[in-house]
Amino acid sequence: MTGPARLLALPLVAIVLVAGVIGVQLAHGGGTYEPLRPADACVERTVTSQVDGIEGLTERLVLLGVSDAACALGVSREALTLELAQSGDRTSAEIDALRDGLRSAVGRMKADGTLPRASALTDEALDSADLNGLLERVIRAVPDSVIDKALSTDDVLLRAIDDLDLRDLLANLDDQGDLEQQVEAAVTGAVKDALEARVRGLM
């Protein structure tokens, strides 16, 4: 085959290959297009995290909480996430649904055994705390068994959720990552405050 003939044959080969691919797609139902429906927020889904500690805990907490809130509001989790990321004031229904959803998420994690013990969060909380050096050393020296007996992780989380100013937080939210960071800061602060209060009570 001469050079010019080869150049003319290449487009024909490409057309044949494309037609073959389209034919396979049509044979397997590719001729119709229907957008994927968002998952039903009311259907319980397994939510995992790739990270550990307080960050992983709050990631699961927010994902489960937003799902429960979306279910209560009758929308998909994706739709609610997009709505929360928009600037502007949130409705009282959204605020209440999100707070209830976060509280419900705590109960779900406690029930399925994925809620870590308070002692597992202690070092991380203290690392970001601004405590008196002596008090910090005393807390770090407390045995895990004593911490876990004195503090319940679900109580600490519920206190942190109740203390969150969700209206103000959501008014300045850019995306779900911001929500996770704000909840993480609240959880870290709640763990630190609870530990400090317990230790001061023993001194």
C-alpha atoms as a PDB file:
ATOM      1  CA  MET A   1       0.000   0.000   0.000  1.00  0.00           C
ATOM      2  CA  THR A   2       1.423   3.353  -1.059  1.00  0.00           C
ATOM      3  CA  GLY A   3       1.862   6.285   1.304  1.00  0.00           C
ATOM      4  CA  PRO A   4      -1.207   8.251   0.110  1.00  0.00           C
ATOM      5  CA  ALA A   5      -3.369   5.119   0.179  1.00  0.00           C
ATOM      6  CA  ARG A   6      -2.250   4.392   3.752  1.00  0.00           C
ATOM      7  CA  LEU A   7      -3.159   7.933   4.828  1.00  0.00           C
ATOM      8  CA  LEU A   8      -6.633   7.551   3.320  1.00  0.00           C
ATOM      9  CA  ALA A   9      -7.110   4.160   4.998  1.00  0.00           C
ATOM     10  CA  LEU A  10      -6.403   5.421   8.540  1.00  0.00           C
ATOM     11  CA  PRO A  11      -9.591   7.520   8.851  1.00  0.00           C
ATOM     12  CA  LEU A  12     -11.628   4.603   7.490  1.00  0.00           C
ATOM     13  CA  VAL A  13     -10.137   2.264  10.118  1.00  0.00           C
ATOM     14  CA  ALA A  14     -10.907   4.803  12.857  1.00  0.00           C
ATOM     15  CA  ILE A  15     -14.520   5.078  11.672  1.00  0.00           C
ATOM     16  CA  VAL A  16     -14.900   1.287  11.667  1.00  0.00           C
ATOM     17  CA  LEU A  17     -13.480   1.033  15.210  1.00  0.00           C
ATOM     18  CA  VAL A  18     -15.753   3.800  16.536  1.00  0.00           C
ATOM     19  CA  ALA A  19     -18.775   2.196  14.868  1.00  0.00           C
ATOM     20  CA  GLY A  20     -17.853  -1.100  16.509  1.00  0.00           C
ATOM     21  CA  VAL A  21     -17.651   0.479  19.966  1.00  0.00           C
ATOM     22  CA  ILE A  22     -21.004   2.237  19.460  1.00  0.00           C
ATOM     23  CA  GLY A  23     -22.544  -1.017  18.294  1.00  0.00           C
ATOM     24  CA  VAL A  24     -21.400  -2.813  21.440  1.00  0.00           C
ATOM     25  CA  GLN A  25     -22.767   0.006  23.615  1.00  0.00           C
ATOM     26  CA  LEU A  26     -26.147  -0.088  21.846  1.00  0.00           C
ATOM     27  CA  ALA A  27     -26.326  -3.859  22.153  1.00  0.00           C
ATOM     28  CA  HIS A  28     -25.894  -3.516  25.930  1.00  0.00           C
ATOM     29  CA  GLY A  29     -28.546  -0.866  26.428  1.00  0.00           C
ATOM     30  CA  GLY A  30     -26.347   2.153  25.862  1.00  0.00           C
ATOM     31  CA  GLY A  31     -28.917   3.758  23.599  1.00  0.00           C
ATOM     32  CA  THR A  32     -30.898   5.106  26.525  1.00  0.00           C
ATOM     33  CA  TYR A  33     -29.548   7.520  29.090  1.00  0.00           C
ATOM     34  CA  GLU A  34     -31.004   7.959  32.510  1.00  0.00           C
ATOM     35  CA  PRO A  35     -29.171  10.005  35.139  1.00  0.00           C
ATOM     36  CA  LEU A  36     -28.291   8.070  38.264  1.00  0.00           C
ATOM     37  CA  ARG A  37     -30.692   8.683  41.094  1.00  0.00           C
ATOM     38  CA  PRO A  38     -29.136   9.905  44.349  1.00  0.00           C
ATOM     39  CA  ALA A  39     -29.159   7.274  47.070  1.00  0.00           C
ATOM     40  CA  ASP A  40     -32.105   7.370  49.462  1.00  0.00           C
ATOM     41  CA  ALA A  41     -30.879   9.190  52.566  1.00  0.00           C
ATOM     42  CA  CYS A  42     -33.263   7.129  54.710  1.00  0.00           C
ATOM     43  CA  VAL A  43     -31.596   3.855  53.701  1.00  0.00           C
ATOM     44  CA  GLU A  44     -28.853   3.086  56.199  1.00  0.00           C
ATOM     45  CA  ARG A  45     -25.428   2.993  54.562  1.00  0.00           C
ATOM     46  CA  THR A  46     -22.089   1.784  55.868  1.00  0.00           C
ATOM     47  CA  VAL A  47     -19.841   4.783  56.446  1.00  0.00           C
ATOM     48  CA  THR A  48     -16.127   4.281  56.985  1.00  0.00           C
ATOM     49  CA  SER A  49     -13.139   6.592  57.297  1.00  0.00           C
ATOM     50  CA  GLN A  50      -9.615   6.244  55.973  1.00  0.00           C
ATOM     51  CA  VAL A  51      -8.191   8.063  59.005  1.00  0.00           C
ATOM     52  CA  ASP A  52      -8.177   7.353  62.716  1.00  0.00           C
ATOM     53  CA  GLY A  53      -8.576   9.423  65.862  1.00  0.00           C
ATOM     54  CA  ILE A  54     -10.753  12.483  66.224  1.00  0.00           C
ATOM     55  CA  GLU A  55     -10.580  13.295  62.492  1.00  0.00           C
ATOM     56  CA  GLY A  56     -11.944   9.901  61.506  1.00  0.00           C
ATOM     57  CA  LEU A  57     -14.563  10.057  64.240  1.00  0.00           C
ATOM     58  CA  THR A  58     -15.872  13.442  63.122  1.00  0.00           C
ATOM     59  CA  GLU A  59     -15.825  12.432  59.454  1.00  0.00           C
ATOM     60  CA  ARG A  60     -18.172   9.524  60.208  1.00  0.00           C
ATOM     61  CA  LEU A  61     -20.210  11.679  62.570  1.00  0.00           C
ATOM     62  CA  VAL A  62     -20.818  14.337  59.912  1.00  0.00           C
ATOM     63  CA  LEU A  63     -21.558  11.858  57.095  1.00  0.00           C
ATOM     64  CA  LEU A  64     -24.073   9.963  59.222  1.00  0.00           C
ATOM     65  CA  GLY A  65     -25.504  13.180  60.648  1.00  0.00           C
ATOM     66  CA  VAL A  66     -26.046  14.771  57.244  1.00  0.00           C
ATOM     67  CA  SER A  67     -27.702  11.568  55.985  1.00  0.00           C
ATOM     68  CA  ASP A  68     -30.099  11.519  58.936  1.00  0.00           C
ATOM     69  CA  ALA A  69     -30.816  15.226  58.473  1.00  0.00           C
ATOM     70  CA  ALA A  70     -31.496  14.728  54.756  1.00  0.00           C
ATOM     71  CA  CYS A  71     -33.868  11.864  55.554  1.00  0.00           C
ATOM     72  CA  ALA A  72     -35.776  14.061  58.004  1.00  0.00           C
ATOM     73  CA  LEU A  73     -36.003  16.854  55.420  1.00  0.00           C
ATOM     74  CA  GLY A  74     -37.058  14.502  52.610  1.00  0.00           C
ATOM     75  CA  VAL A  75     -34.063  15.203  50.336  1.00  0.00           C
ATOM     76  CA  SER A  76     -30.940  13.292  49.282  1.00  0.00           C
ATOM     77  CA  ARG A  77     -27.709  13.609  51.238  1.00  0.00           C
ATOM     78  CA  GLU A  78     -26.045  15.057  48.144  1.00  0.00           C
ATOM     79  CA  ALA A  79     -28.756  17.698  47.738  1.00  0.00           C
ATOM     80  CA  LEU A  80     -28.532  18.715  51.396  1.00  0.00           C
ATOM     81  CA  THR A  81     -24.723  18.877  51.250  1.00  0.00           C
ATOM     82  CA  LEU A  82     -24.923  21.212  48.249  1.00  0.00           C
ATOM     83  CA  GLU A  83     -27.571  23.310  49.968  1.00  0.00           C
ATOM     84  CA  LEU A  84     -25.528  23.640  53.155  1.00  0.00           C
ATOM     85  CA  ALA A  85     -22.509  24.766  51.132  1.00  0.00           C
ATOM     86  CA  GLN A  86     -24.466  27.724  49.714  1.00  0.00           C
ATOM     87  CA  SER A  87     -24.004  31.089  51.364  1.00  0.00           C
ATOM     88  CA  GLY A  88     -26.857  32.590  53.317  1.00  0.00           C
ATOM     89  CA  ASP A  89     -28.964  31.866  56.353  1.00  0.00           C
ATOM     90  CA  ARG A  90     -30.203  28.361  57.000  1.00  0.00           C
ATOM     91  CA  THR A  91     -33.784  27.589  57.939  1.00  0.00           C
ATOM     92  CA  SER A  92     -34.717  26.496  61.452  1.00  0.00           C
ATOM     93  CA  ALA A  93     -35.819  23.166  59.967  1.00  0.00           C
ATOM     94  CA  GLU A  94     -32.317  22.604  58.517  1.00  0.00           C
ATOM     95  CA  ILE A  95     -30.623  23.587  61.788  1.00  0.00           C
ATOM     96  CA  ASP A  96     -32.848  21.308  63.862  1.00  0.00           C
ATOM     97  CA  ALA A  97     -32.533  18.418  61.396  1.00  0.00           C
ATOM     98  CA  LEU A  98     -28.742  18.647  61.330  1.00  0.00           C
ATOM     99  CA  ARG A  99     -28.407  18.821  65.119  1.00  0.00           C
ATOM    100  CA  ASP A 100     -30.804  15.896  65.539  1.00  0.00           C
ATOM    101  CA  GLY A 101     -28.930  14.027  62.808  1.00  0.00           C
ATOM    102  CA  LEU A 102     -25.576  14.500  64.528  1.00  0.00           C
ATOM    103  CA  ARG A 103     -27.033  13.359  67.843  1.00  0.00           C
ATOM    104  CA  SER A 104     -28.577  10.336  66.134  1.00  0.00           C
ATOM    105  CA  ALA A 105     -25.217   9.526  64.529  1.00  0.00           C
ATOM    106  CA  VAL A 106     -23.628   9.315  67.981  1.00  0.00           C
ATOM    107  CA  GLY A 107     -26.241   6.748  68.995  1.00  0.00           C
ATOM    108  CA  ARG A 108     -25.689   4.728  65.819  1.00  0.00           C
ATOM    109  CA  MET A 109     -21.924   4.618  66.322  1.00  0.00           C
ATOM    110  CA  LYS A 110     -22.361   3.603  69.947  1.00  0.00           C
ATOM    111  CA  ALA A 111     -24.788   0.852  68.916  1.00  0.00           C
ATOM    112  CA  ASP A 112     -22.527  -0.580  66.201  1.00  0.00           C
ATOM    113  CA  GLY A 113     -19.423  -0.444  68.385  1.00  0.00           C
ATOM    114  CA  THR A 114     -17.494   2.085  66.282  1.00  0.00           C
ATOM    115  CA  LEU A 115     -17.454   4.798  68.935  1.00  0.00           C
ATOM    116  CA  PRO A 116     -13.919   4.940  70.400  1.00  0.00           C
ATOM    117  CA  ARG A 117     -13.261   5.064  74.120  1.00  0.00           C
ATOM    118  CA  ALA A 118     -12.510   8.470  75.622  1.00  0.00           C
ATOM    119  CA  SER A 119      -8.962   7.347  76.443  1.00  0.00           C
ATOM    120  CA  ALA A 120      -8.298   6.801  72.721  1.00  0.00           C
ATOM    121  CA  LEU A 121      -8.944  10.503  72.092  1.00  0.00           C
ATOM    122  CA  THR A 122      -7.064  11.906  75.083  1.00  0.00           C
ATOM    123  CA  ASP A 123      -3.549  12.348  73.682  1.00  0.00           C
ATOM    124  CA  GLU A 124      -4.816  13.921  70.461  1.00  0.00           C
ATOM    125  CA  ALA A 125      -7.041  16.326  72.366  1.00  0.00           C
ATOM    126  CA  LEU A 126      -4.197  17.301  74.692  1.00  0.00           C
ATOM    127  CA  ASP A 127      -1.814  17.828  71.772  1.00  0.00           C
ATOM    128  CA  SER A 128      -4.004  20.679  70.546  1.00  0.00           C
ATOM    129  CA  ALA A 129      -4.906  22.016  73.990  1.00  0.00           C
ATOM    130  CA  ASP A 130      -3.338  25.005  75.696  1.00  0.00           C
ATOM    131  CA  LEU A 131      -3.103  23.647  79.231  1.00  0.00           C
ATOM    132  CA  ASN A 132      -0.817  24.345  82.150  1.00  0.00           C
ATOM    133  CA  GLY A 133       2.197  22.050  81.767  1.00  0.00           C
ATOM    134  CA  LEU A 134       1.713  20.413  85.156  1.00  0.00           C
ATOM    135  CA  LEU A 135      -1.993  19.777  84.560  1.00  0.00           C
ATOM    136  CA  GLU A 136      -1.271  18.278  81.140  1.00  0.00           C
ATOM    137  CA  ARG A 137       1.316  15.897  82.625  1.00  0.00           C
ATOM    138  CA  VAL A 138      -1.127  14.862  85.340  1.00  0.00           C
ATOM    139  CA  ILE A 139      -3.834  14.099  82.766  1.00  0.00           C
ATOM    140  CA  ARG A 140      -1.434  12.127  80.574  1.00  0.00           C
ATOM    141  CA  ALA A 141      -0.441  10.068  83.608  1.00  0.00           C
ATOM    142  CA  VAL A 142      -4.040   9.040  84.347  1.00  0.00           C
ATOM    143  CA  PRO A 143      -4.576   5.366  83.386  1.00  0.00           C
ATOM    144  CA  ASP A 144      -6.869   4.705  80.420  1.00  0.00           C
ATOM    145  CA  SER A 145      -9.196   2.656  82.607  1.00  0.00           C
ATOM    146  CA  VAL A 146      -9.726   5.634  84.929  1.00  0.00           C
ATOM    147  CA  ILE A 147     -10.400   7.994  82.010  1.00  0.00           C
ATOM    148  CA  ASP A 148     -12.893   5.599  80.447  1.00  0.00           C
ATOM    149  CA  LYS A 149     -14.674   5.165  83.748  1.00  0.00           C
ATOM    150  CA  ALA A 150     -14.858   8.917  84.329  1.00  0.00           C
ATOM    151  CA  LEU A 151     -15.766   9.921  80.768  1.00  0.00           C
ATOM    152  CA  SER A 152     -18.252   8.505  78.281  1.00  0.00           C
ATOM    153  CA  THR A 153     -17.423   9.313  74.653  1.00  0.00           C
ATOM    154  CA  ASP A 154     -21.068   9.599  73.658  1.00  0.00           C
ATOM    155  CA  ASP A 155     -21.740  12.077  76.476  1.00  0.00           C
ATOM    156  CA  VAL A 156     -18.747  14.173  75.409  1.00  0.00           C
ATOM    157  CA  LEU A 157     -19.895  14.163  71.775  1.00  0.00           C
ATOM    158  CA  LEU A 158     -23.487  15.038  72.601  1.00  0.00           C
ATOM    159  CA  ARG A 159     -22.277  17.938  74.751  1.00  0.00           C
ATOM    160  CA  ALA A 160     -20.090  19.167  71.882  1.00  0.00           C
ATOM    161  CA  ILE A 161     -22.991  18.926  69.404  1.00  0.00           C
ATOM    162  CA  ASP A 162     -25.346  20.796  71.722  1.00  0.00           C
ATOM    163  CA  ASP A 163     -22.748  23.540  72.200  1.00  0.00           C
ATOM    164  CA  LEU A 164     -22.223  24.031  68.444  1.00  0.00           C
ATOM    165  CA  ASP A 165     -23.653  27.266  67.069  1.00  0.00           C
ATOM    166  CA  LEU A 166     -24.862  25.566  63.912  1.00  0.00           C
ATOM    167  CA  ARG A 167     -26.576  28.656  62.513  1.00  0.00           C
ATOM    168  CA  ASP A 168     -23.374  30.680  62.643  1.00  0.00           C
ATOM    169  CA  LEU A 169     -21.274  27.743  61.457  1.00  0.00           C
ATOM    170  CA  LEU A 170     -23.472  27.021  58.435  1.00  0.00           C
ATOM    171  CA  ALA A 171     -23.678  30.689  57.504  1.00  0.00           C
ATOM    172  CA  ASN A 172     -19.927  30.623  56.804  1.00  0.00           C
ATOM    173  CA  LEU A 173     -19.673  27.139  55.354  1.00  0.00           C
ATOM    174  CA  ASP A 174     -17.955  26.559  52.010  1.00  0.00           C
ATOM    175  CA  ASP A 175     -18.209  22.768  51.791  1.00  0.00           C
ATOM    176  CA  GLN A 176     -18.685  19.603  53.834  1.00  0.00           C
ATOM    177  CA  GLY A 177     -14.975  19.651  54.688  1.00  0.00           C
ATOM    178  CA  ASP A 178     -15.535  22.898  56.578  1.00  0.00           C
ATOM    179  CA  LEU A 179     -18.354  21.284  58.536  1.00  0.00           C
ATOM    180  CA  GLU A 180     -16.117  18.356  59.468  1.00  0.00           C
ATOM    181  CA  GLN A 181     -13.338  20.707  60.596  1.00  0.00           C
ATOM    182  CA  GLN A 182     -15.717  22.739  62.750  1.00  0.00           C
ATOM    183  CA  VAL A 183     -17.172  19.613  64.364  1.00  0.00           C
ATOM    184  CA  GLU A 184     -13.671  18.215  64.884  1.00  0.00           C
ATOM    185  CA  ALA A 185     -12.623  21.402  66.684  1.00  0.00           C
ATOM    186  CA  ALA A 186     -15.730  21.210  68.867  1.00  0.00           C
ATOM    187  CA  VAL A 187     -15.130  17.531  69.705  1.00  0.00           C
ATOM    188  CA  THR A 188     -11.464  18.175  70.514  1.00  0.00           C
ATOM    189  CA  GLY A 189     -12.405  21.063  72.771  1.00  0.00           C
ATOM    190  CA  ALA A 190     -15.116  19.047  74.484  1.00  0.00           C
ATOM    191  CA  VAL A 191     -12.740  16.150  75.222  1.00  0.00           C
ATOM    192  CA  LYS A 192     -10.093  18.541  76.562  1.00  0.00           C
ATOM    193  CA  ASP A 193     -12.584  20.452  78.724  1.00  0.00           C
ATOM    194  CA  ALA A 194     -14.091  17.249  80.114  1.00  0.00           C
ATOM    195  CA  LEU A 195     -10.672  15.834  81.003  1.00  0.00           C
ATOM    196  CA  GLU A 196      -9.583  19.067  82.617  1.00  0.00           C
ATOM    197  CA  ALA A 197     -12.773  19.318  84.650  1.00  0.00           C
ATOM    198  CA  ARG A 198     -12.468  15.707  85.864  1.00  0.00           C
ATOM    199  CA  VAL A 199      -8.838  16.090  86.873  1.00  0.00           C
ATOM    200  CA  ARG A 200      -9.434  19.393  88.658  1.00  0.00           C
ATOM    201  CA  GLY A 201     -12.279  17.696  90.532  1.00  0.00           C
ATOM    202  CA  LEU A 202      -9.861  15.062  91.789  1.00  0.00           C
ATOM    203  CA  MET A 203      -7.190  17.556  92.878  1.00  0.00           C
END
